Amino acid sequence: MSQTKNRTRTRSESNSDDTAKRPDISDLDFGASNHILHEMVDAVLAIHPIPEPEPESLPRLSPEELQALADTFKEKSGTSKSVPKSAPDDPYPNVPAELKALRQWVVWLPHVKPGDDKPSKLLYQDNGWAASTNADRTWTTYDLALACYQKHATRRPFKYRYRKHKEAPYQHLQCYLAGIGFVFSPNDPYTGIDLDNCIVDGKLQPWAQEILDRLQGVAYIEVSPSGKGIKIWTRAKLPATVQHKVFIDEATGEAIEAYDAVRYFTVTGRNGKGQIGDGQAVIDGLVSAYLTPETQPSPEPSPATPKQRVAAKPSQKSQTHSSFKTASAVVDRIRQSPQCHKFDALMRGDQTGYGSPSEADIALCSVIAFWSQDTGIIDAIFRESALYRDKWDEKHRGDGATYGEMTIEMALSQPRETYTPPKPKTPRRRRAGFYQRRSNRRRYR
């Protein structure tokens, strides 16, 4: 009991001492002046002073000492064994650097269409959306295309979007990529030559060897993905009258193809050799020897009656849908389009700006082929033009094809977009009472 009283007495005495030291706030006049607030702050700090910061217990280290401590920690923790990241080795070292510097690369994967034995190639961007040879916004750089291919070639399936036709919804599918490809553009100076089925039992055919001998020193050459063909890149441009594909032997599929725009070549790097140079003179010689319809051997032409209608052979292009059923409908639609001036000039026989009458013939057929892929309609319109002459019905190929049939075939084989009729606008369906409510809103507004 005595100890408890002593403790109580001690606490009361200490409280009285603190009360004596503290100023009486009631005696202060807060409205007198602002200096009273400062006196109050000084009085509080006198009773409860702010402790001064203690000196730093650890000395400050220099950047060199910090780096030494970090290296020591890595050695003890075992993290120093990691090798610094470096760029992976380029799997295509033989591909010319000037092609790698262009933003004209895509990735591709095989696709087998119903009814086709040979698989086709679907072009895609590195983000999974489809790529197109006539849309440069869908192309990417060599580094991004290579990284996408290496990532989705074996390790992880490539998620791509695919649909069978334009009206069908997209399907999200997965597949492993098969390679990368280079797209030829009208803005670049390159031409690609594809020699199909020229390697038989590991040996190069004589006609293909002759072409390679001509292109030595001015072209980059490699083997195609199938191992039966050869891809060639050179710096040149093709003339307007070129026939892009010619069969050397149709039975075996041996053919030569040449493109300088709106096409792509797969890139493999297999047995790649050579550097790209100026091959314009060599390409001109190859075009005159292989890819010009007039220079191909043909029997003696038989006399033809002027204005005689020749039924052109149906091709794959002629089977496509055409919204125009007659030649007069096609002519009326062309004369309502921006191509009307060019079309009327060619129909009058004006060959200004064309190197030869053959170029003017192909130009007129190309204008018509955009609107209709029916060979009969193209032939009928051309016969009404001033460019028509007896040569149109002369045979110029060994299989009996006439000059007119070959010209139409060449115009249809050129890669281009075709006219697609606009979809009819369906009227928007209004729910019941829409117009009545709309009139009421106007009435009471």
Protein backbone atom coordinates (compact mmCIF):
# COMPACT_ATOMS: atom_id res chain seq x y z
CA MET A 1 0.00 0.00 0.00
CA SER A 2 2.80 2.39 0.88
CA GLN A 3 4.55 1.72 -2.45
CA THR A 4 1.33 2.46 -4.37
CA LYS A 5 0.86 5.77 -2.55
CA ASN A 6 4.45 6.76 -3.23
CA ARG A 7 4.00 6.04 -6.93
CA THR A 8 0.79 8.10 -6.99
CA ARG A 9 2.48 10.96 -5.15
CA THR A 10 5.39 10.92 -7.57
CA ARG A 11 3.14 11.02 -10.59
CA SER A 12 1.07 13.88 -9.20
CA GLU A 13 4.21 15.87 -8.38
CA SER A 14 5.59 15.38 -11.88
CA ASN A 15 2.28 16.46 -13.39
CA SER A 16 2.28 19.59 -11.30
CA ASP A 17 5.82 20.41 -12.39
CA ASP A 18 4.88 20.00 -16.11
CA THR A 19 1.84 22.18 -15.57
CA ALA A 20 3.99 24.87 -14.07
CA LYS A 21 6.33 24.85 -17.02
CA ARG A 22 3.63 25.00 -19.65
CA PRO A 23 2.22 28.43 -20.59
CA ASP A 24 -1.42 29.23 -19.91
CA ILE A 25 -3.09 29.27 -23.33
CA SER A 26 -6.17 31.06 -21.93
CA ASP A 27 -4.07 34.11 -21.08
CA LEU A 28 -2.95 34.57 -24.71
CA ASP A 29 -4.81 36.98 -26.95
CA PHE A 30 -5.00 35.37 -30.39
CA GLY A 31 -6.36 38.46 -32.04
CA ALA A 32 -3.56 40.71 -30.87
CA SER A 33 -0.97 39.90 -33.48
CA ASN A 34 0.45 37.09 -35.58
CA HIS A 35 3.64 36.97 -33.53
CA ILE A 36 1.69 35.16 -30.81
CA LEU A 37 1.49 32.07 -33.05
CA HIS A 38 5.26 32.07 -33.34
CA GLU A 39 5.57 32.29 -29.54
CA MET A 40 3.25 29.29 -29.23
CA VAL A 41 5.37 27.25 -31.65
CA ASP A 42 8.54 28.20 -29.78
CA ALA A 43 6.95 27.18 -26.47
CA VAL A 44 5.93 23.77 -27.85
CA LEU A 45 9.40 23.16 -29.32
CA ALA A 46 10.96 24.07 -26.00
CA ILE A 47 8.98 21.32 -24.27
CA HIS A 48 9.19 18.71 -27.11
CA PRO A 49 12.26 19.44 -29.20
CA ILE A 50 12.70 17.74 -32.59
CA PRO A 51 15.54 15.21 -32.43
CA GLU A 52 18.50 15.95 -34.63
CA PRO A 53 19.27 13.41 -37.40
CA GLU A 54 21.89 10.89 -36.45
CA PRO A 55 25.04 10.71 -38.54
CA GLU A 56 25.08 8.09 -41.28
CA SER A 57 26.18 4.77 -39.96
CA LEU A 58 27.51 3.57 -43.33
CA PRO A 59 29.92 5.53 -45.47
CA ARG A 60 28.91 6.40 -49.01
CA LEU A 61 30.40 4.13 -51.69
CA SER A 62 31.73 5.23 -55.02
CA PRO A 63 30.26 3.77 -58.26
CA GLU A 64 33.35 1.59 -58.67
CA GLU A 65 32.93 0.12 -55.20
CA LEU A 66 29.22 -0.54 -55.82
CA GLN A 67 30.05 -2.36 -59.07
CA ALA A 68 32.65 -4.46 -57.24
CA LEU A 69 30.06 -5.43 -54.60
CA ALA A 70 27.55 -6.34 -57.31
CA ASP A 71 30.09 -8.56 -59.07
CA THR A 72 30.92 -10.27 -55.79
CA PHE A 73 27.23 -10.93 -55.14
CA LYS A 74 26.81 -12.42 -58.62
CA GLU A 75 29.78 -14.73 -58.12
CA LYS A 76 28.45 -15.99 -54.79
CA SER A 77 24.87 -16.40 -56.03
CA GLY A 78 25.91 -18.09 -59.28
CA THR A 79 24.28 -15.53 -61.58
CA SER A 80 27.58 -14.56 -63.17
CA LYS A 81 27.55 -17.72 -65.25
CA SER A 82 24.92 -16.25 -67.60
CA VAL A 83 26.35 -15.27 -70.94
CA PRO A 84 25.41 -11.81 -72.23
CA LYS A 85 22.70 -11.90 -74.88
CA SER A 86 23.84 -11.55 -78.46
CA ALA A 87 22.06 -11.57 -81.80
CA PRO A 88 21.39 -15.07 -83.11
CA ASP A 89 23.25 -16.26 -86.16
CA ASP A 90 21.60 -15.39 -89.46
CA PRO A 91 20.38 -18.63 -91.09
CA TYR A 92 20.47 -16.95 -94.50
CA PRO A 93 23.99 -15.50 -94.76
CA ASN A 94 24.08 -15.82 -98.54
CA VAL A 95 21.02 -13.66 -99.17
CA PRO A 96 22.18 -10.21 -100.38
CA ALA A 97 22.12 -7.47 -97.78
CA GLU A 98 20.33 -5.09 -100.14
CA LEU A 99 17.30 -7.38 -100.12
CA LYS A 100 17.38 -7.69 -96.32
CA ALA A 101 17.38 -3.91 -95.98
CA LEU A 102 14.00 -3.58 -97.71
CA ARG A 103 10.67 -3.72 -95.90
CA GLN A 104 9.21 -6.27 -98.32
CA TRP A 105 9.21 -9.52 -96.35
CA VAL A 106 6.42 -11.90 -95.33
CA VAL A 107 6.06 -15.34 -93.74
CA TRP A 108 4.19 -18.19 -95.38
CA LEU A 109 2.68 -21.53 -94.54
CA PRO A 110 1.45 -24.36 -96.80
CA HIS A 111 -2.24 -24.82 -97.48
CA VAL A 112 -3.92 -27.53 -99.54
CA LYS A 113 -7.12 -26.42 -101.25
CA PRO A 114 -9.88 -28.96 -101.90
CA GLY A 115 -9.30 -30.64 -105.24
CA ASP A 116 -5.67 -29.50 -105.62
CA ASP A 117 -2.76 -31.91 -105.34
CA LYS A 118 -0.09 -29.24 -105.00
CA PRO A 119 -0.22 -27.21 -101.78
CA SER A 120 -0.43 -23.46 -102.16
CA LYS A 121 1.31 -20.86 -100.02
CA LEU A 122 -0.58 -18.49 -97.75
CA LEU A 123 1.18 -15.21 -97.00
CA TYR A 124 0.91 -13.71 -93.52
CA GLN A 125 2.24 -10.86 -91.46
CA ASP A 126 4.13 -11.42 -88.25
CA ASN A 127 0.96 -10.54 -86.28
CA GLY A 128 -1.16 -13.34 -87.77
CA TRP A 129 -3.13 -11.27 -90.29
CA ALA A 130 -3.02 -12.12 -93.98
CA ALA A 131 -0.47 -10.39 -96.21
CA SER A 132 -0.94 -9.44 -99.85
CA THR A 133 1.51 -8.85 -102.68
CA ASN A 134 -0.30 -5.67 -103.73
CA ALA A 135 -0.56 -4.08 -100.26
CA ASP A 136 2.79 -2.86 -98.96
CA ARG A 137 1.28 -2.06 -95.57
CA THR A 138 1.10 -5.82 -94.93
CA TRP A 139 4.84 -6.34 -95.46
CA THR A 140 7.44 -6.25 -92.73
CA THR A 141 11.20 -6.12 -92.26
CA TYR A 142 13.59 -9.00 -92.67
CA ASP A 143 14.43 -9.13 -88.95
CA LEU A 144 10.79 -9.29 -87.84
CA ALA A 145 9.88 -11.89 -90.45
CA LEU A 146 12.89 -14.02 -89.51
CA ALA A 147 12.14 -13.76 -85.78
CA CYS A 148 8.52 -14.75 -86.38
CA TYR A 149 9.55 -17.72 -88.52
CA GLN A 150 12.14 -18.96 -86.02
CA LYS A 151 9.64 -18.67 -83.18
CA HIS A 152 6.81 -20.48 -84.95
CA ALA A 153 8.72 -22.97 -87.11
CA THR A 154 9.04 -25.76 -84.50
CA ARG A 155 8.63 -24.39 -80.97
CA ARG A 156 5.22 -22.76 -80.95
CA PRO A 157 2.33 -23.01 -83.47
CA PHE A 158 1.60 -19.85 -85.42
CA LYS A 159 -1.89 -18.48 -84.73
CA TYR A 160 -3.25 -17.11 -87.98
CA ARG A 161 -6.60 -15.92 -89.27
CA TYR A 162 -8.05 -17.59 -92.33
CA ARG A 163 -11.34 -17.54 -94.20
CA LYS A 164 -12.41 -19.40 -97.33
CA HIS A 165 -14.02 -16.42 -99.08
CA LYS A 166 -14.64 -12.74 -98.43
CA GLU A 167 -18.11 -13.19 -96.96
CA ALA A 168 -17.09 -15.98 -94.58
CA PRO A 169 -15.99 -15.16 -91.02
CA TYR A 170 -12.38 -15.49 -89.97
CA GLN A 171 -11.24 -18.76 -88.44
CA HIS A 172 -8.43 -18.77 -85.89
CA LEU A 173 -6.17 -21.68 -86.79
CA GLN A 174 -2.72 -22.86 -85.77
CA CYS A 175 0.09 -24.18 -87.91
CA TYR A 176 3.86 -24.18 -88.04
CA LEU A 177 5.42 -21.70 -90.44
CA ALA A 178 7.30 -23.03 -93.45
CA GLY A 179 9.54 -20.08 -94.31
CA ILE A 180 9.88 -16.44 -95.29
CA GLY A 181 9.37 -14.72 -98.62
CA PHE A 182 10.37 -11.58 -100.52
CA VAL A 183 7.72 -9.50 -102.33
CA PHE A 184 8.58 -7.71 -105.57
CA SER A 185 7.33 -4.14 -105.74
CA PRO A 186 7.02 -1.68 -108.65
CA ASN A 187 9.14 0.71 -106.57
CA ASP A 188 12.18 -1.57 -106.34
CA PRO A 189 14.63 -2.25 -109.20
CA TYR A 190 14.58 -6.05 -108.95
CA THR A 191 13.27 -8.81 -111.19
CA GLY A 192 12.78 -12.42 -110.19
CA ILE A 193 13.13 -15.44 -112.46
CA ASP A 194 11.76 -18.83 -111.47
CA LEU A 195 12.93 -21.96 -113.27
CA ASP A 196 10.36 -24.68 -112.50
CA ASN A 197 11.28 -28.39 -112.44
CA CYS A 198 14.69 -27.73 -113.94
CA ILE A 199 16.48 -30.14 -111.55
CA VAL A 200 15.85 -33.79 -112.40
CA ASP A 201 17.61 -36.49 -110.34
CA GLY A 202 20.01 -33.89 -108.97
CA LYS A 203 21.08 -32.71 -112.44
CA LEU A 204 20.37 -29.35 -114.01
CA GLN A 205 18.59 -29.33 -117.35
CA PRO A 206 20.57 -27.89 -120.32
CA TRP A 207 18.12 -25.01 -120.93
CA ALA A 208 18.37 -23.96 -117.28
CA GLN A 209 22.17 -24.20 -117.34
CA GLU A 210 22.22 -21.87 -120.33
CA ILE A 211 20.15 -19.29 -118.45
CA LEU A 212 22.38 -19.52 -115.37
CA ASP A 213 25.48 -19.06 -117.51
CA ARG A 214 24.03 -15.84 -118.86
CA LEU A 215 23.27 -14.52 -115.39
CA GLN A 216 26.63 -15.31 -113.81
CA GLY A 217 27.98 -12.25 -111.97
CA VAL A 218 24.77 -10.20 -112.08
CA ALA A 219 22.29 -12.30 -110.07
CA TYR A 220 21.76 -14.10 -106.79
CA ILE A 221 20.75 -17.74 -107.31
CA GLU A 222 19.35 -20.33 -104.87
CA VAL A 223 17.36 -23.56 -104.88
CA SER A 224 13.59 -23.47 -104.33
CA PRO A 225 11.87 -25.13 -101.32
CA SER A 226 10.88 -28.19 -103.38
CA GLY A 227 14.47 -28.78 -104.47
CA LYS A 228 13.35 -29.04 -108.11
CA GLY A 229 13.52 -25.38 -109.11
CA ILE A 230 15.78 -22.35 -108.99
CA LYS A 231 15.04 -18.79 -107.87
CA ILE A 232 16.99 -15.87 -109.34
CA TRP A 233 17.16 -12.18 -108.30
CA THR A 234 18.72 -9.53 -110.52
CA ARG A 235 18.52 -5.77 -111.03
CA ALA A 236 16.34 -5.19 -114.10
CA LYS A 237 12.83 -4.38 -115.29
CA LEU A 238 10.60 -6.33 -117.64
CA PRO A 239 9.03 -4.83 -120.76
CA ALA A 240 5.27 -4.41 -121.00
CA THR A 241 4.93 -7.11 -123.67
CA VAL A 242 6.55 -9.88 -121.64
CA GLN A 243 4.79 -13.20 -121.24
CA HIS A 244 5.33 -13.97 -117.57
CA LYS A 245 5.23 -17.76 -117.84
CA VAL A 246 6.29 -20.02 -120.70
CA PHE A 247 6.42 -23.82 -120.61
CA ILE A 248 9.62 -25.37 -121.88
CA ASP A 249 8.07 -28.84 -121.64
CA GLU A 250 4.43 -28.88 -120.59
CA ALA A 251 4.44 -32.63 -120.02
CA THR A 252 7.13 -32.46 -117.31
CA GLY A 253 6.14 -29.02 -116.00
CA GLU A 254 9.43 -27.39 -116.97
CA ALA A 255 8.79 -23.67 -117.29
CA ILE A 256 10.37 -20.26 -116.90
CA GLU A 257 8.65 -17.41 -115.09
CA ALA A 258 9.65 -13.78 -114.70
CA TYR A 259 8.11 -11.09 -112.49
CA ASP A 260 9.10 -7.63 -111.29
CA ALA A 261 5.99 -6.57 -109.30
CA VAL A 262 2.99 -7.90 -107.35
CA ARG A 263 4.57 -11.34 -106.87
CA TYR A 264 6.71 -12.97 -104.20
CA PHE A 265 9.49 -15.54 -104.07
CA THR A 266 10.11 -17.92 -101.20
CA VAL A 267 13.60 -17.56 -99.73
CA THR A 268 15.50 -20.66 -98.62
CA GLY A 269 19.19 -19.75 -98.85
CA ARG A 270 19.92 -23.29 -100.08
CA ASN A 271 23.09 -23.32 -102.19
CA GLY A 272 22.77 -19.56 -102.49
CA LYS A 273 25.53 -17.86 -104.42
CA GLY A 274 26.21 -14.71 -106.36
CA GLN A 275 25.57 -11.02 -105.86
CA ILE A 276 22.94 -8.86 -107.49
CA GLY A 277 24.17 -6.70 -110.34
CA ASP A 278 22.89 -4.85 -113.37
CA GLY A 279 21.25 -7.58 -115.44
CA GLN A 280 19.05 -5.49 -117.73
CA ALA A 281 20.89 -6.56 -120.89
CA VAL A 282 20.69 -10.23 -119.90
CA ILE A 283 16.97 -9.98 -119.05
CA ASP A 284 16.24 -8.32 -122.39
CA GLY A 285 17.96 -11.21 -124.13
CA LEU A 286 16.01 -13.80 -122.13
CA VAL A 287 12.73 -12.03 -122.87
CA SER A 288 13.42 -12.00 -126.58
CA ALA A 289 14.49 -15.66 -126.51
CA TYR A 290 11.88 -17.17 -124.20
CA LEU A 291 9.21 -14.75 -123.01
CA THR A 292 8.03 -13.00 -126.17
CA PRO A 293 5.07 -14.66 -127.95
CA GLU A 294 6.05 -13.48 -131.43
CA THR A 295 9.46 -15.18 -131.33
CA GLN A 296 8.19 -18.67 -130.63
CA PRO A 297 8.23 -21.19 -133.51
CA SER A 298 4.95 -21.58 -135.36
CA PRO A 299 3.80 -23.14 -138.66
CA GLU A 300 2.94 -21.11 -141.71
CA PRO A 301 0.00 -18.85 -140.94
CA SER A 302 -3.18 -19.69 -142.79
CA PRO A 303 -5.14 -16.91 -144.49
CA ALA A 304 -7.93 -15.58 -142.32
CA THR A 305 -11.03 -13.73 -143.28
CA PRO A 306 -11.08 -10.12 -141.98
CA LYS A 307 -13.40 -9.54 -139.06
CA GLN A 308 -13.67 -13.30 -138.56
CA ARG A 309 -14.67 -14.16 -135.02
CA VAL A 310 -12.23 -16.60 -133.38
CA ALA A 311 -13.40 -18.37 -130.25
CA ALA A 312 -10.65 -17.93 -127.69
CA LYS A 313 -9.70 -20.89 -125.59
CA PRO A 314 -11.25 -20.78 -122.12
CA SER A 315 -8.64 -20.27 -119.45
CA GLN A 316 -8.76 -20.25 -115.70
CA LYS A 317 -9.22 -16.49 -115.74
CA SER A 318 -12.20 -16.70 -118.11
CA GLN A 319 -14.10 -18.85 -115.66
CA THR A 320 -14.20 -16.12 -113.03
CA HIS A 321 -17.36 -14.20 -112.24
CA SER A 322 -18.17 -11.19 -114.41
CA SER A 323 -21.00 -8.81 -113.63
CA PHE A 324 -21.32 -7.76 -117.31
CA LYS A 325 -22.98 -10.18 -119.71
CA THR A 326 -22.49 -8.33 -123.01
CA ALA A 327 -19.70 -6.38 -124.68
CA SER A 328 -21.84 -3.24 -124.93
CA ALA A 329 -22.39 -3.25 -121.16
CA VAL A 330 -18.64 -3.43 -120.59
CA VAL A 331 -17.99 -0.55 -123.01
CA ASP A 332 -20.65 1.62 -121.34
CA ARG A 333 -19.16 0.97 -117.90
CA ILE A 334 -15.60 1.72 -119.03
CA ARG A 335 -16.68 5.05 -120.53
CA GLN A 336 -18.15 5.99 -117.14
CA SER A 337 -14.88 5.24 -115.32
CA PRO A 338 -11.58 7.18 -115.05
CA GLN A 339 -10.18 4.88 -117.76
CA CYS A 340 -12.49 6.36 -120.40
CA HIS A 341 -9.84 8.64 -121.99
CA LYS A 342 -7.27 5.86 -122.30
CA PHE A 343 -9.88 3.43 -123.61
CA ASP A 344 -11.26 5.86 -126.24
CA ALA A 345 -7.74 6.72 -127.43
CA LEU A 346 -6.85 3.06 -127.92
CA MET A 347 -10.17 2.35 -129.61
CA ARG A 348 -9.34 5.15 -132.10
CA GLY A 349 -5.97 3.49 -132.77
CA ASP A 350 -3.88 6.11 -130.97
CA GLN A 351 -0.56 4.42 -130.08
CA THR A 352 1.06 7.46 -128.46
CA GLY A 353 3.29 6.40 -125.56
CA TYR A 354 3.63 2.79 -126.67
CA GLY A 355 6.79 1.34 -128.17
CA SER A 356 5.06 -0.94 -130.66
CA PRO A 357 1.58 -1.89 -131.87
CA SER A 358 1.79 -5.06 -129.73
CA GLU A 359 2.14 -2.97 -126.57
CA ALA A 360 -0.95 -0.98 -127.54
CA ASP A 361 -2.85 -4.24 -128.13
CA ILE A 362 -1.96 -5.54 -124.67
CA ALA A 363 -2.83 -2.19 -123.09
CA LEU A 364 -6.34 -2.23 -124.62
CA CYS A 365 -6.93 -5.84 -123.61
CA SER A 366 -5.71 -5.08 -120.08
CA VAL A 367 -8.18 -2.23 -119.71
CA ILE A 368 -11.03 -4.51 -120.78
CA ALA A 369 -9.75 -7.40 -118.62
CA PHE A 370 -10.14 -5.29 -115.47
CA TRP A 371 -13.90 -5.08 -116.05
CA SER A 372 -14.54 -8.49 -117.59
CA GLN A 373 -12.46 -11.67 -117.70
CA ASP A 374 -14.59 -13.24 -120.44
CA THR A 375 -12.28 -13.89 -123.40
CA GLY A 376 -15.17 -13.67 -125.82
CA ILE A 377 -16.11 -10.18 -124.64
CA ILE A 378 -12.49 -8.99 -124.82
CA ASP A 379 -12.16 -10.37 -128.34
CA ALA A 380 -15.41 -8.78 -129.49
CA ILE A 381 -14.48 -5.32 -128.17
CA PHE A 382 -10.99 -5.45 -129.64
CA ARG A 383 -12.36 -6.32 -133.10
CA GLU A 384 -14.38 -3.12 -133.01
CA SER A 385 -11.28 -1.00 -132.37
CA ALA A 386 -8.96 0.61 -134.92
CA LEU A 387 -6.10 -1.55 -133.59
CA TYR A 388 -7.62 -4.68 -135.12
CA ARG A 389 -5.69 -6.02 -138.11
CA ASP A 390 -5.20 -9.29 -139.95
CA LYS A 391 -2.39 -10.28 -137.58
CA TRP A 392 -5.01 -10.79 -134.86
CA ASP A 393 -6.16 -14.05 -136.50
CA GLU A 394 -2.74 -15.36 -137.55
CA LYS A 395 -1.30 -18.39 -135.78
CA HIS A 396 1.78 -17.56 -133.76
CA ARG A 397 2.35 -20.65 -131.63
CA GLY A 398 2.93 -24.31 -132.22
CA ASP A 399 -0.32 -25.39 -130.60
CA GLY A 400 -2.32 -23.34 -133.10
CA ALA A 401 -3.02 -20.33 -130.88
CA THR A 402 -3.51 -17.09 -132.79
CA TYR A 403 -1.93 -13.76 -131.99
CA GLY A 404 -5.24 -12.51 -130.62
CA GLU A 405 -5.66 -15.48 -128.29
CA MET A 406 -2.10 -15.08 -127.02
CA THR A 407 -2.59 -11.36 -126.45
CA ILE A 408 -5.78 -11.94 -124.45
CA GLU A 409 -4.11 -14.73 -122.48
CA MET A 410 -1.18 -12.45 -121.68
CA ALA A 411 -3.51 -9.66 -120.51
CA LEU A 412 -5.39 -12.06 -118.23
CA SER A 413 -2.21 -13.62 -116.83
CA GLN A 414 -0.83 -10.30 -115.60
CA PRO A 415 -1.33 -9.91 -111.83
CA ARG A 416 -3.91 -7.20 -111.22
CA GLU A 417 -7.09 -6.43 -109.37
CA THR A 418 -10.42 -6.97 -111.09
CA TYR A 419 -13.67 -5.10 -110.84
CA THR A 420 -15.95 -6.18 -108.03
CA PRO A 421 -19.51 -4.88 -108.22
CA PRO A 422 -20.65 -3.07 -105.08
CA LYS A 423 -23.01 -4.89 -102.79
CA PRO A 424 -26.59 -3.62 -102.90
CA LYS A 425 -27.54 -1.64 -99.84
CA THR A 426 -30.28 -3.32 -97.88
CA PRO A 427 -32.79 -0.95 -96.26
CA ARG A 428 -32.49 -0.70 -92.53
CA ARG A 429 -35.37 -2.35 -90.77
CA ARG A 430 -37.20 -0.12 -88.31
CA ARG A 431 -38.98 -1.52 -85.32
CA ALA A 432 -42.75 -1.13 -85.02
CA GLY A 433 -43.90 2.34 -84.08
CA PHE A 434 -40.58 4.02 -84.89
CA TYR A 435 -41.95 6.63 -87.26
CA GLN A 436 -44.97 7.34 -85.01
CA ARG A 437 -42.75 7.98 -81.99
CA ARG A 438 -40.46 10.11 -84.12
CA SER A 439 -43.40 12.33 -85.19
CA ASN A 440 -44.54 12.64 -81.57
CA ARG A 441 -41.10 13.86 -80.55
CA ARG A 442 -41.24 16.55 -83.18
CA ARG A 443 -44.77 17.53 -82.13
CA TYR A 444 -43.98 18.03 -78.43
CA ARG A 445 -40.46 19.43 -78.81
